[in-house]
Structures are given as structure tokens and as C-alpha cells.
Amino acid sequence: MSMMIFEIISEVTEVEAIAVGSSIRDVQRLRKQYGRGRWKKMKGVAKIRLMKR
């Protein structure tokens, strides 16, 4: 698996939830690692700068 290294250079806009709670595939790991809460999988639009490796 390759990893992309990037920097966010603008505000994140057009933010929306695409999954909430138990509909998130990895919610058990998130709860174990970070605790309970109302987990949401979000998406949005921003300008980024890709870094060279």
C-alpha cells in the first residue's frame, strides 16, 4: 500500500456526512482506540499540495 503525503492549503468546503455510527465499516477499531462517541465518516473539498517523498 502506498501512502500519499500532502498538506491542506485551503478551507475544507462542501462538508457532508457519508456514514454515521454502525454503518462505518471500521467503527469498532475507532471506539477501541479513541473511545465511544457519535462517529461520522465525512467528506469535503479542499485544495492540497502534494509533497515529494
Protein backbone atom coordinates (compact mmCIF):
# COMPACT_ATOMS: atom_id res chain seq x y z
CA MET A 1 0.00 0.00 0.00
CA SER A 2 1.44 3.38 -0.95
CA MET A 3 0.96 6.49 1.16
CA MET A 4 0.38 9.99 -0.18
CA ILE A 5 1.90 12.85 1.77
CA PHE A 6 0.02 16.14 1.41
CA GLU A 7 -0.69 19.49 3.04
CA ILE A 8 -4.16 21.10 3.10
CA ILE A 9 -3.77 24.67 1.79
CA SER A 10 -7.39 25.90 1.77
CA GLU A 11 -10.52 25.67 3.88
CA VAL A 12 -12.47 22.42 3.59
CA THR A 13 -15.83 23.18 1.95
CA GLU A 14 -18.88 21.18 0.85
CA VAL A 15 -18.57 19.04 4.00
CA GLU A 16 -21.11 16.24 4.38
CA ALA A 17 -21.52 13.03 6.38
CA ILE A 18 -21.42 9.88 4.27
CA ALA A 19 -21.76 7.32 7.10
CA VAL A 20 -22.77 7.50 10.77
CA GLY A 21 -22.33 5.10 13.69
CA SER A 22 -22.63 1.39 12.93
CA SER A 23 -22.69 1.98 9.15
CA ILE A 24 -18.97 2.87 9.37
CA ARG A 25 -17.03 -0.27 8.47
CA ASP A 26 -14.17 0.34 10.99
CA VAL A 27 -16.21 1.81 13.88
CA GLN A 28 -15.18 -0.92 16.37
CA ARG A 29 -11.50 -0.05 15.94
CA LEU A 30 -12.23 3.67 16.30
CA ARG A 31 -14.18 3.09 19.53
CA LYS A 32 -11.45 0.85 20.94
CA GLN A 33 -8.65 3.28 20.05
CA TYR A 34 -10.36 6.65 20.74
CA GLY A 35 -13.43 5.84 22.86
CA ARG A 36 -17.16 5.95 22.38
CA GLY A 37 -18.82 8.81 20.60
CA ARG A 38 -21.04 9.61 17.66
CA TRP A 39 -18.60 8.69 14.90
CA LYS A 40 -19.18 10.13 11.43
CA LYS A 41 -17.35 9.45 8.18
CA MET A 42 -17.12 12.81 6.43
CA LYS A 43 -16.09 14.09 3.01
CA GLY A 44 -15.35 17.56 1.68
CA VAL A 45 -13.43 19.56 -0.92
CA ALA A 46 -10.14 21.40 -0.39
CA LYS A 47 -7.00 22.41 -2.26
CA ILE A 48 -3.93 20.38 -1.33
CA ARG A 49 -0.22 20.42 -2.06
CA LEU A 50 1.33 17.01 -2.77
CA MET A 51 4.73 16.52 -1.13
CA LYS A 52 7.65 14.78 -2.79
CA ARG A 53 8.90 11.69 -0.99
